Amino acid sequence: MIEQPLPPMPPQDYHDDRIPFIQQEQAESSIIYQLDAEQICLEIEHQLMGEKYNPDENKWFLPEGSKPIMKKDGIDYVMGEIRKRVNRNTFLSFLTEQLIESICSDLHKILTDVMILNWEKWEMDKTLIKPTVYGVMDTIHIALRRSLNKTTLDYLKKATQVVEQIRHDNEQKKKFGIF
């Protein structure tokens, strides 16, 4: 059983010009979260391992009677393909809708083909190929949309400005003995 803490949730609206005042640590944590593609990959990996997340205990677990969707070598292959496309560099890119759709279409084909060719070797239930690919691709598509027209980059610019303003305000308060 692999335990992974979940990061704090990002702001809901990336296009809101009014960023609320938040503490410096929260702002910095939010910036780090926006670039943390690995968290998305880990979530997919846990799902391929058949694990569920228990928010009360803040950990992943394999439900009784459950088993991984495929063997470890299959999971490793699938995750390798995903990590080529979902990473920090992707989130900081200026992707168009057409490019996102192309990346998703290519990955969908690769995952479908490799699962069809290896379902016996990876000890997969053949009936789970389609729902597995669609489930993974939904998550990937949503993750890649962070880069649509540099959404994440614009959000990070605003968040960085907030962090810098908080630092400046704290320095001014210390300078004048208010803090």
N, C-alpha and C. Protein backbone atom coordinates (compact mmCIF):
# COMPACT_ATOMS: atom_id res chain seq x y z
N MET A 1 0.84 -1.17 0.00
CA MET A 1 0.00 0.00 0.00
C MET A 1 0.89 1.24 0.00
N ILE A 2 0.69 2.12 -0.97
CA ILE A 2 1.48 3.34 -1.09
C ILE A 2 0.66 4.50 -0.54
N GLU A 3 1.25 5.26 0.35
CA GLU A 3 0.56 6.41 0.93
C GLU A 3 1.14 7.68 0.33
N GLN A 4 0.27 8.52 -0.20
CA GLN A 4 0.68 9.79 -0.77
C GLN A 4 -0.25 10.87 -0.25
N PRO A 5 0.29 11.90 0.38
CA PRO A 5 -0.59 13.00 0.80
C PRO A 5 -1.06 13.78 -0.42
N LEU A 6 -2.26 14.30 -0.34
CA LEU A 6 -2.77 15.12 -1.42
C LEU A 6 -2.33 16.57 -1.21
N PRO A 7 -1.99 17.26 -2.30
CA PRO A 7 -1.59 18.66 -2.17
C PRO A 7 -2.82 19.54 -1.96
N PRO A 8 -2.61 20.78 -1.54
CA PRO A 8 -3.75 21.68 -1.38
C PRO A 8 -4.42 21.93 -2.72
N MET A 9 -5.70 22.22 -2.68
CA MET A 9 -6.45 22.46 -3.91
C MET A 9 -6.07 23.81 -4.50
N PRO A 10 -5.99 23.89 -5.84
CA PRO A 10 -5.68 25.17 -6.48
C PRO A 10 -6.92 26.04 -6.52
N PRO A 11 -6.76 27.33 -6.81
CA PRO A 11 -7.93 28.19 -6.96
C PRO A 11 -8.84 27.66 -8.06
N GLN A 12 -10.12 27.89 -7.95
CA GLN A 12 -11.08 27.34 -8.89
C GLN A 12 -11.11 28.06 -10.23
N ASP A 13 -10.88 29.36 -10.27
CA ASP A 13 -11.01 30.12 -11.51
C ASP A 13 -9.66 30.74 -11.87
N TYR A 14 -9.02 30.19 -12.90
CA TYR A 14 -7.71 30.67 -13.30
C TYR A 14 -7.76 32.01 -14.02
N HIS A 15 -8.93 32.39 -14.50
CA HIS A 15 -9.04 33.62 -15.26
C HIS A 15 -9.55 34.80 -14.43
N ASP A 16 -9.71 34.63 -13.16
CA ASP A 16 -10.20 35.69 -12.30
C ASP A 16 -9.07 36.69 -12.05
N ASP A 17 -9.29 37.92 -12.43
CA ASP A 17 -8.26 38.95 -12.25
C ASP A 17 -8.11 39.35 -10.79
N ARG A 18 -9.08 39.03 -9.98
CA ARG A 18 -9.03 39.39 -8.56
C ARG A 18 -8.54 38.18 -7.78
N ILE A 19 -7.27 38.16 -7.45
CA ILE A 19 -6.73 37.07 -6.65
C ILE A 19 -6.84 37.49 -5.19
N PRO A 20 -7.55 36.71 -4.39
CA PRO A 20 -7.75 37.10 -2.99
C PRO A 20 -6.44 37.08 -2.22
N PHE A 21 -6.42 37.89 -1.15
CA PHE A 21 -5.24 37.93 -0.30
C PHE A 21 -5.10 36.59 0.42
N ILE A 22 -3.97 35.96 0.28
CA ILE A 22 -3.70 34.69 0.97
C ILE A 22 -2.32 34.76 1.57
N GLN A 23 -2.07 33.88 2.49
CA GLN A 23 -0.78 33.84 3.15
C GLN A 23 0.29 33.42 2.15
N GLN A 24 1.51 33.88 2.39
CA GLN A 24 2.63 33.61 1.49
C GLN A 24 2.83 32.11 1.28
N GLU A 25 2.77 31.32 2.35
CA GLU A 25 2.99 29.88 2.23
C GLU A 25 1.92 29.24 1.36
N GLN A 26 0.67 29.68 1.49
CA GLN A 26 -0.41 29.12 0.68
C GLN A 26 -0.20 29.47 -0.79
N ALA A 27 0.21 30.68 -1.05
CA ALA A 27 0.45 31.09 -2.43
C ALA A 27 1.59 30.29 -3.04
N GLU A 28 2.67 30.14 -2.29
CA GLU A 28 3.81 29.38 -2.80
C GLU A 28 3.42 27.91 -3.00
N SER A 29 2.65 27.36 -2.08
CA SER A 29 2.20 25.98 -2.19
C SER A 29 1.32 25.81 -3.43
N SER A 30 0.49 26.78 -3.70
CA SER A 30 -0.38 26.74 -4.88
C SER A 30 0.44 26.77 -6.16
N ILE A 31 1.50 27.56 -6.18
CA ILE A 31 2.37 27.62 -7.35
C ILE A 31 3.01 26.26 -7.58
N ILE A 32 3.51 25.67 -6.53
CA ILE A 32 4.16 24.35 -6.65
C ILE A 32 3.14 23.32 -7.13
N TYR A 33 1.92 23.36 -6.58
CA TYR A 33 0.89 22.40 -6.98
C TYR A 33 0.58 22.50 -8.47
N GLN A 34 0.52 23.72 -9.00
CA GLN A 34 0.21 23.90 -10.41
C GLN A 34 1.23 23.24 -11.32
N LEU A 35 2.46 23.11 -10.86
CA LEU A 35 3.52 22.51 -11.66
C LEU A 35 3.72 21.04 -11.37
N ASP A 36 2.97 20.49 -10.43
CA ASP A 36 3.19 19.12 -9.98
C ASP A 36 2.41 18.12 -10.83
N ALA A 37 2.94 17.84 -12.01
CA ALA A 37 2.32 16.86 -12.89
C ALA A 37 2.43 15.46 -12.30
N GLU A 38 3.43 15.24 -11.49
CA GLU A 38 3.65 13.91 -10.93
C GLU A 38 2.47 13.48 -10.06
N GLN A 39 1.81 14.40 -9.40
CA GLN A 39 0.65 14.05 -8.57
C GLN A 39 -0.46 13.46 -9.44
N ILE A 40 -0.66 14.01 -10.62
CA ILE A 40 -1.66 13.48 -11.54
C ILE A 40 -1.25 12.08 -11.99
N CYS A 41 0.01 11.93 -12.31
CA CYS A 41 0.52 10.62 -12.74
C CYS A 41 0.37 9.59 -11.62
N LEU A 42 0.67 9.97 -10.40
CA LEU A 42 0.53 9.04 -9.27
C LEU A 42 -0.92 8.61 -9.08
N GLU A 43 -1.84 9.53 -9.27
CA GLU A 43 -3.25 9.19 -9.13
C GLU A 43 -3.65 8.15 -10.17
N ILE A 44 -3.23 8.34 -11.40
CA ILE A 44 -3.52 7.37 -12.46
C ILE A 44 -2.87 6.02 -12.12
N GLU A 45 -1.63 6.07 -11.66
CA GLU A 45 -0.92 4.84 -11.32
C GLU A 45 -1.64 4.05 -10.21
N HIS A 46 -2.10 4.75 -9.19
CA HIS A 46 -2.85 4.09 -8.12
C HIS A 46 -4.13 3.45 -8.67
N GLN A 47 -4.79 4.14 -9.57
CA GLN A 47 -6.01 3.59 -10.15
C GLN A 47 -5.71 2.34 -10.97
N LEU A 48 -4.60 2.35 -11.72
CA LEU A 48 -4.20 1.16 -12.48
C LEU A 48 -3.84 0.00 -11.54
N MET A 49 -3.38 0.33 -10.35
CA MET A 49 -3.06 -0.70 -9.36
C MET A 49 -4.31 -1.19 -8.64
N GLY A 50 -5.47 -0.62 -9.01
CA GLY A 50 -6.74 -1.03 -8.41
C GLY A 50 -7.02 -0.39 -7.08
N GLU A 51 -6.21 0.59 -6.69
CA GLU A 51 -6.35 1.21 -5.38
C GLU A 51 -7.38 2.34 -5.38
N LYS A 52 -7.94 2.57 -4.23
CA LYS A 52 -8.89 3.67 -4.00
C LYS A 52 -8.28 4.60 -2.96
N TYR A 53 -8.71 5.86 -3.01
CA TYR A 53 -8.21 6.84 -2.05
C TYR A 53 -9.21 7.01 -0.91
N ASN A 54 -8.69 6.98 0.32
CA ASN A 54 -9.51 7.21 1.50
C ASN A 54 -9.14 8.59 2.05
N PRO A 55 -9.99 9.59 1.83
CA PRO A 55 -9.65 10.95 2.28
C PRO A 55 -9.60 11.08 3.80
N ASP A 56 -10.37 10.25 4.51
CA ASP A 56 -10.36 10.31 5.97
C ASP A 56 -9.01 9.89 6.54
N GLU A 57 -8.40 8.89 5.92
CA GLU A 57 -7.09 8.41 6.37
C GLU A 57 -5.95 9.00 5.55
N ASN A 58 -6.30 9.74 4.50
CA ASN A 58 -5.33 10.39 3.63
C ASN A 58 -4.33 9.37 3.05
N LYS A 59 -4.88 8.24 2.53
CA LYS A 59 -3.99 7.24 1.95
C LYS A 59 -4.75 6.39 0.92
N TRP A 60 -3.97 5.77 0.05
CA TRP A 60 -4.49 4.86 -0.95
C TRP A 60 -4.51 3.45 -0.37
N PHE A 61 -5.50 2.65 -0.78
CA PHE A 61 -5.58 1.27 -0.30
C PHE A 61 -6.18 0.40 -1.39
N LEU A 62 -5.86 -0.89 -1.35
CA LEU A 62 -6.43 -1.87 -2.27
C LEU A 62 -7.64 -2.48 -1.58
N PRO A 63 -8.84 -2.20 -2.09
CA PRO A 63 -10.04 -2.75 -1.45
C PRO A 63 -10.00 -4.27 -1.43
N GLU A 64 -10.61 -4.83 -0.41
CA GLU A 64 -10.65 -6.28 -0.26
C GLU A 64 -11.34 -6.88 -1.48
N GLY A 65 -10.73 -7.92 -2.03
CA GLY A 65 -11.29 -8.58 -3.21
C GLY A 65 -10.91 -7.92 -4.52
N SER A 66 -10.20 -6.81 -4.47
CA SER A 66 -9.77 -6.11 -5.68
C SER A 66 -8.38 -6.56 -6.09
N LYS A 67 -8.05 -6.31 -7.33
CA LYS A 67 -6.71 -6.60 -7.81
C LYS A 67 -6.33 -5.52 -8.81
N PRO A 68 -5.04 -5.37 -9.09
CA PRO A 68 -4.62 -4.38 -10.08
C PRO A 68 -5.25 -4.65 -11.44
N ILE A 69 -5.43 -3.59 -12.22
CA ILE A 69 -6.00 -3.73 -13.55
C ILE A 69 -5.06 -4.50 -14.46
N MET A 70 -3.75 -4.36 -14.21
CA MET A 70 -2.75 -5.07 -14.99
C MET A 70 -1.51 -5.29 -14.13
N LYS A 71 -0.61 -6.13 -14.61
CA LYS A 71 0.64 -6.40 -13.89
C LYS A 71 1.53 -5.16 -13.89
N LYS A 72 2.52 -5.19 -13.02
CA LYS A 72 3.42 -4.05 -12.83
C LYS A 72 4.13 -3.63 -14.11
N ASP A 73 4.58 -4.57 -14.94
CA ASP A 73 5.27 -4.17 -16.16
C ASP A 73 4.34 -3.42 -17.11
N GLY A 74 3.06 -3.77 -17.11
CA GLY A 74 2.08 -3.04 -17.91
C GLY A 74 1.86 -1.64 -17.36
N ILE A 75 1.72 -1.55 -16.04
CA ILE A 75 1.54 -0.25 -15.40
C ILE A 75 2.76 0.64 -15.68
N ASP A 76 3.95 0.07 -15.56
CA ASP A 76 5.17 0.84 -15.83
C ASP A 76 5.21 1.36 -17.26
N TYR A 77 4.81 0.52 -18.22
CA TYR A 77 4.81 0.95 -19.62
C TYR A 77 3.81 2.09 -19.83
N VAL A 78 2.59 1.88 -19.34
CA VAL A 78 1.54 2.90 -19.50
C VAL A 78 1.97 4.21 -18.84
N MET A 79 2.51 4.13 -17.65
CA MET A 79 2.92 5.35 -16.95
C MET A 79 4.08 6.05 -17.66
N GLY A 80 4.96 5.29 -18.28
CA GLY A 80 6.04 5.89 -19.07
C GLY A 80 5.48 6.71 -20.22
N GLU A 81 4.49 6.17 -20.90
CA GLU A 81 3.86 6.90 -22.01
C GLU A 81 3.16 8.16 -21.50
N ILE A 82 2.49 8.05 -20.37
CA ILE A 82 1.78 9.20 -19.80
C ILE A 82 2.77 10.28 -19.37
N ARG A 83 3.83 9.89 -18.68
CA ARG A 83 4.80 10.87 -18.18
C ARG A 83 5.54 11.61 -19.31
N LYS A 84 5.58 11.03 -20.49
CA LYS A 84 6.16 11.73 -21.63
C LYS A 84 5.31 12.93 -22.02
N ARG A 85 4.03 12.87 -21.68
CA ARG A 85 3.09 13.91 -22.12
C ARG A 85 2.56 14.80 -20.99
N VAL A 86 2.56 14.28 -19.79
CA VAL A 86 2.06 15.06 -18.64
C VAL A 86 3.24 15.34 -17.72
N ASN A 87 3.76 16.55 -17.83
CA ASN A 87 4.92 16.93 -17.03
C ASN A 87 4.94 18.44 -16.85
N ARG A 88 5.86 18.92 -16.07
CA ARG A 88 5.95 20.34 -15.77
C ARG A 88 6.11 21.17 -17.05
N ASN A 89 6.91 20.68 -17.97
CA ASN A 89 7.12 21.40 -19.22
C ASN A 89 5.81 21.57 -19.98
N THR A 90 4.98 20.53 -19.99
CA THR A 90 3.69 20.62 -20.67
C THR A 90 2.83 21.70 -20.04
N PHE A 91 2.78 21.73 -18.71
CA PHE A 91 1.93 22.70 -18.03
C PHE A 91 2.38 24.14 -18.26
N LEU A 92 3.64 24.32 -18.54
CA LEU A 92 4.17 25.67 -18.79
C LEU A 92 4.16 26.04 -20.27
N SER A 93 3.56 25.19 -21.08
CA SER A 93 3.51 25.43 -22.52
C SER A 93 2.26 26.20 -22.91
N PHE A 94 2.29 26.69 -24.15
CA PHE A 94 1.16 27.38 -24.74
C PHE A 94 0.57 26.43 -25.78
N LEU A 95 -0.28 25.50 -25.32
CA LEU A 95 -0.86 24.52 -26.23
C LEU A 95 -2.17 25.04 -26.80
N THR A 96 -2.39 24.72 -28.05
CA THR A 96 -3.67 25.06 -28.69
C THR A 96 -4.62 23.88 -28.50
N GLU A 97 -5.88 24.13 -28.72
CA GLU A 97 -6.89 23.06 -28.63
C GLU A 97 -6.53 21.94 -29.59
N GLN A 98 -6.10 22.30 -30.79
CA GLN A 98 -5.75 21.30 -31.80
C GLN A 98 -4.58 20.43 -31.33
N LEU A 99 -3.57 21.03 -30.73
CA LEU A 99 -2.42 20.26 -30.27
C LEU A 99 -2.81 19.34 -29.10
N ILE A 100 -3.63 19.83 -28.19
CA ILE A 100 -4.10 18.99 -27.08
C ILE A 100 -4.86 17.79 -27.62
N GLU A 101 -5.75 18.03 -28.57
CA GLU A 101 -6.52 16.93 -29.16
C GLU A 101 -5.60 15.95 -29.88
N SER A 102 -4.58 16.44 -30.54
CA SER A 102 -3.63 15.57 -31.24
C SER A 102 -2.84 14.70 -30.25
N ILE A 103 -2.36 15.31 -29.18
CA ILE A 103 -1.63 14.57 -28.14
C ILE A 103 -2.53 13.49 -27.54
N CYS A 104 -3.76 13.86 -27.21
CA CYS A 104 -4.69 12.91 -26.60
C CYS A 104 -5.05 11.78 -27.57
N SER A 105 -5.27 12.12 -28.83
CA SER A 105 -5.60 11.12 -29.83
C SER A 105 -4.46 10.11 -30.01
N ASP A 106 -3.25 10.63 -30.10
CA ASP A 106 -2.08 9.75 -30.24
C ASP A 106 -1.92 8.84 -29.02
N LEU A 107 -2.04 9.41 -27.82
CA LEU A 107 -1.89 8.61 -26.61
C LEU A 107 -3.01 7.57 -26.50
N HIS A 108 -4.21 7.96 -26.86
CA HIS A 108 -5.35 7.03 -26.83
C HIS A 108 -5.06 5.83 -27.72
N LYS A 109 -4.57 6.08 -28.91
CA LYS A 109 -4.24 5.00 -29.85
C LYS A 109 -3.12 4.12 -29.30
N ILE A 110 -2.08 4.75 -28.78
CA ILE A 110 -0.95 3.98 -28.23
C ILE A 110 -1.41 3.08 -27.08
N LEU A 111 -2.16 3.65 -26.14
CA LEU A 111 -2.61 2.86 -24.99
C LEU A 111 -3.55 1.74 -25.40
N THR A 112 -4.47 2.03 -26.31
CA THR A 112 -5.39 1.00 -26.78
C THR A 112 -4.62 -0.13 -27.46
N ASP A 113 -3.74 0.23 -28.37
CA ASP A 113 -2.97 -0.78 -29.11
C ASP A 113 -2.13 -1.64 -28.17
N VAL A 114 -1.41 -1.01 -27.26
CA VAL A 114 -0.50 -1.77 -26.39
C VAL A 114 -1.28 -2.66 -25.43
N MET A 115 -2.45 -2.22 -24.99
CA MET A 115 -3.25 -3.07 -24.10
C MET A 115 -3.86 -4.24 -24.86
N ILE A 116 -4.30 -3.99 -26.09
CA ILE A 116 -4.85 -5.08 -26.90
C ILE A 116 -3.77 -6.12 -27.20
N LEU A 117 -2.56 -5.66 -27.49
CA LEU A 117 -1.48 -6.58 -27.81
C LEU A 117 -0.94 -7.33 -26.59
N ASN A 118 -1.06 -6.74 -25.41
CA ASN A 118 -0.42 -7.31 -24.22
C ASN A 118 -1.39 -7.72 -23.12
N TRP A 119 -2.69 -7.75 -23.38
CA TRP A 119 -3.64 -8.01 -22.31
C TRP A 119 -3.39 -9.34 -21.60
N GLU A 120 -3.01 -10.35 -22.34
CA GLU A 120 -2.73 -11.65 -21.70
C GLU A 120 -1.45 -11.59 -20.88
N LYS A 121 -0.41 -11.05 -21.47
CA LYS A 121 0.89 -10.93 -20.79
C LYS A 121 0.77 -10.10 -19.51
N TRP A 122 -0.03 -9.04 -19.57
CA TRP A 122 -0.20 -8.16 -18.41
C TRP A 122 -1.31 -8.63 -17.48
N GLU A 123 -1.91 -9.78 -17.81
CA GLU A 123 -2.98 -10.37 -17.01
C GLU A 123 -4.15 -9.40 -16.80
N MET A 124 -4.55 -8.78 -17.90
CA MET A 124 -5.69 -7.85 -17.87
C MET A 124 -6.97 -8.59 -18.21
N ASP A 125 -8.05 -8.12 -17.64
CA ASP A 125 -9.36 -8.56 -18.08
C ASP A 125 -9.62 -7.79 -19.37
N LYS A 126 -9.79 -8.50 -20.47
CA LYS A 126 -9.93 -7.85 -21.79
C LYS A 126 -11.09 -6.84 -21.81
N THR A 127 -12.12 -7.12 -21.01
CA THR A 127 -13.27 -6.20 -20.99
C THR A 127 -12.95 -4.87 -20.31
N LEU A 128 -11.81 -4.79 -19.63
CA LEU A 128 -11.44 -3.54 -18.94
C LEU A 128 -10.56 -2.63 -19.80
N ILE A 129 -10.17 -3.07 -20.99
CA ILE A 129 -9.29 -2.25 -21.83
C ILE A 129 -9.95 -0.91 -22.15
N LYS A 130 -11.15 -0.96 -22.70
CA LYS A 130 -11.83 0.28 -23.12
C LYS A 130 -12.09 1.22 -21.94
N PRO A 131 -12.69 0.75 -20.83
CA PRO A 131 -12.92 1.70 -19.72
C PRO A 131 -11.62 2.21 -19.10
N THR A 132 -10.57 1.38 -19.12
CA THR A 132 -9.28 1.83 -18.57
C THR A 132 -8.70 2.95 -19.42
N VAL A 133 -8.69 2.75 -20.73
CA VAL A 133 -8.14 3.77 -21.63
C VAL A 133 -8.95 5.05 -21.52
N TYR A 134 -10.27 4.95 -21.53
CA TYR A 134 -11.10 6.16 -21.44
C TYR A 134 -10.91 6.87 -20.10
N GLY A 135 -10.83 6.11 -19.02
CA GLY A 135 -10.61 6.73 -17.71
C GLY A 135 -9.29 7.47 -17.64
N VAL A 136 -8.24 6.83 -18.14
CA VAL A 136 -6.93 7.48 -18.16
C VAL A 136 -6.97 8.72 -19.05
N MET A 137 -7.57 8.58 -20.22
CA MET A 137 -7.57 9.70 -21.18
C MET A 137 -8.39 10.88 -20.69
N ASP A 138 -9.46 10.64 -19.93
CA ASP A 138 -10.21 11.76 -19.37
C ASP A 138 -9.31 12.59 -18.45
N THR A 139 -8.57 11.90 -17.60
CA THR A 139 -7.67 12.60 -16.67
C THR A 139 -6.57 13.34 -17.44
N ILE A 140 -6.00 12.69 -18.45
CA ILE A 140 -4.93 13.31 -19.24
C ILE A 140 -5.46 14.54 -19.98
N HIS A 141 -6.62 14.42 -20.58
CA HIS A 141 -7.19 15.54 -21.33
C HIS A 141 -7.41 16.75 -20.42
N ILE A 142 -7.97 16.51 -19.26
CA ILE A 142 -8.20 17.61 -18.30
C ILE A 142 -6.86 18.21 -17.87
N ALA A 143 -5.88 17.37 -17.61
CA ALA A 143 -4.56 17.87 -17.20
C ALA A 143 -3.93 18.71 -18.30
N LEU A 144 -4.01 18.26 -19.53
CA LEU A 144 -3.41 19.01 -20.64
C LEU A 144 -4.12 20.34 -20.89
N ARG A 145 -5.39 20.39 -20.56
CA ARG A 145 -6.12 21.65 -20.75
C ARG A 145 -5.60 22.77 -19.85
N ARG A 146 -4.81 22.41 -18.84
CA ARG A 146 -4.15 23.44 -18.03
C ARG A 146 -3.26 24.32 -18.90
N SER A 147 -2.78 23.75 -19.99
CA SER A 147 -1.85 24.45 -20.86
C SER A 147 -2.55 25.18 -22.00
N LEU A 148 -3.86 25.00 -22.12
CA LEU A 148 -4.60 25.64 -23.21
C LEU A 148 -4.42 27.15 -23.14
N ASN A 149 -3.86 27.68 -24.19
CA ASN A 149 -3.61 29.12 -24.28
C ASN A 149 -2.87 29.65 -23.06
N LYS A 150 -1.92 28.86 -22.58
CA LYS A 150 -1.03 29.17 -21.45
C LYS A 150 -1.77 29.52 -20.16
N THR A 151 -2.86 28.79 -19.89
CA THR A 151 -3.66 29.02 -18.68
C THR A 151 -2.81 28.93 -17.41
N THR A 152 -2.04 27.87 -17.27
CA THR A 152 -1.22 27.70 -16.07
C THR A 152 -0.17 28.79 -15.98
N LEU A 153 0.43 29.11 -17.10
CA LEU A 153 1.46 30.15 -17.12
C LEU A 153 0.87 31.49 -16.66
N ASP A 154 -0.32 31.83 -17.14
CA ASP A 154 -0.97 33.08 -16.72
C ASP A 154 -1.31 33.04 -15.23
N TYR A 155 -1.83 31.89 -14.76
CA TYR A 155 -2.15 31.77 -13.34
C TYR A 155 -0.90 31.94 -12.49
N LEU A 156 0.18 31.29 -12.90
CA LEU A 156 1.43 31.36 -12.13
C LEU A 156 1.97 32.79 -12.09
N LYS A 157 1.81 33.50 -13.16
CA LYS A 157 2.26 34.90 -13.19
C LYS A 157 1.50 35.70 -12.13
N LYS A 158 0.19 35.52 -12.07
CA LYS A 158 -0.62 36.24 -11.09
C LYS A 158 -0.28 35.79 -9.66
N ALA A 159 -0.13 34.49 -9.47
CA ALA A 159 0.18 33.96 -8.15
C ALA A 159 1.55 34.45 -7.67
N THR A 160 2.50 34.50 -8.58
CA THR A 160 3.84 35.00 -8.24
C THR A 160 3.77 36.47 -7.83
N GLN A 161 2.95 37.24 -8.51
CA GLN A 161 2.78 38.65 -8.16
C GLN A 161 2.20 38.77 -6.75
N VAL A 162 1.26 37.91 -6.40
CA VAL A 162 0.68 37.93 -5.07
C VAL A 162 1.74 37.62 -4.02
N VAL A 163 2.55 36.58 -4.28
CA VAL A 163 3.61 36.21 -3.33
C VAL A 163 4.58 37.37 -3.15
N GLU A 164 4.96 38.00 -4.24
CA GLU A 164 5.89 39.13 -4.15
C GLU A 164 5.26 40.30 -3.39
N GLN A 165 3.98 40.55 -3.59
CA GLN A 165 3.31 41.63 -2.88
C GLN A 165 3.23 41.32 -1.39
N ILE A 166 2.96 40.07 -1.04
CA ILE A 166 2.92 39.67 0.37
C ILE A 166 4.28 39.88 1.00
N ARG A 167 5.33 39.45 0.31
CA ARG A 167 6.70 39.64 0.83
C ARG A 167 7.00 41.13 1.03
N HIS A 168 6.64 41.93 0.04
CA HIS A 168 6.88 43.37 0.13
C HIS A 168 6.12 43.98 1.31
N ASP A 169 4.84 43.60 1.45
CA ASP A 169 4.04 44.13 2.55
C ASP A 169 4.62 43.74 3.90
N ASN A 170 5.07 42.48 4.03
CA ASN A 170 5.66 42.03 5.29
C ASN A 170 6.96 42.77 5.60
N GLU A 171 7.75 43.03 4.57
CA GLU A 171 9.01 43.79 4.77
C GLU A 171 8.70 45.21 5.23
N GLN A 172 7.66 45.82 4.64
CA GLN A 172 7.28 47.17 5.01
C GLN A 172 6.77 47.22 6.45
N LYS A 173 5.99 46.22 6.83
CA LYS A 173 5.48 46.16 8.20
C LYS A 173 6.62 46.02 9.21
N LYS A 174 7.58 45.16 8.88
CA LYS A 174 8.74 45.00 9.76
C LYS A 174 9.55 46.28 9.83
N LYS A 175 9.72 46.92 8.70
CA LYS A 175 10.50 48.16 8.63
C LYS A 175 9.89 49.25 9.51
N PHE A 176 8.58 49.32 9.54
CA PHE A 176 7.91 50.36 10.32
C PHE A 176 7.45 49.86 11.69
N GLY A 177 7.86 48.66 12.06
CA GLY A 177 7.56 48.12 13.39
C GLY A 177 6.13 47.72 13.59
N ILE A 178 5.38 47.49 12.53
CA ILE A 178 3.98 47.10 12.64
C ILE A 178 3.87 45.60 12.85
N PHE A 179 4.82 44.87 12.42
CA PHE A 179 4.77 43.40 12.43
C PHE A 179 5.47 42.87 13.64
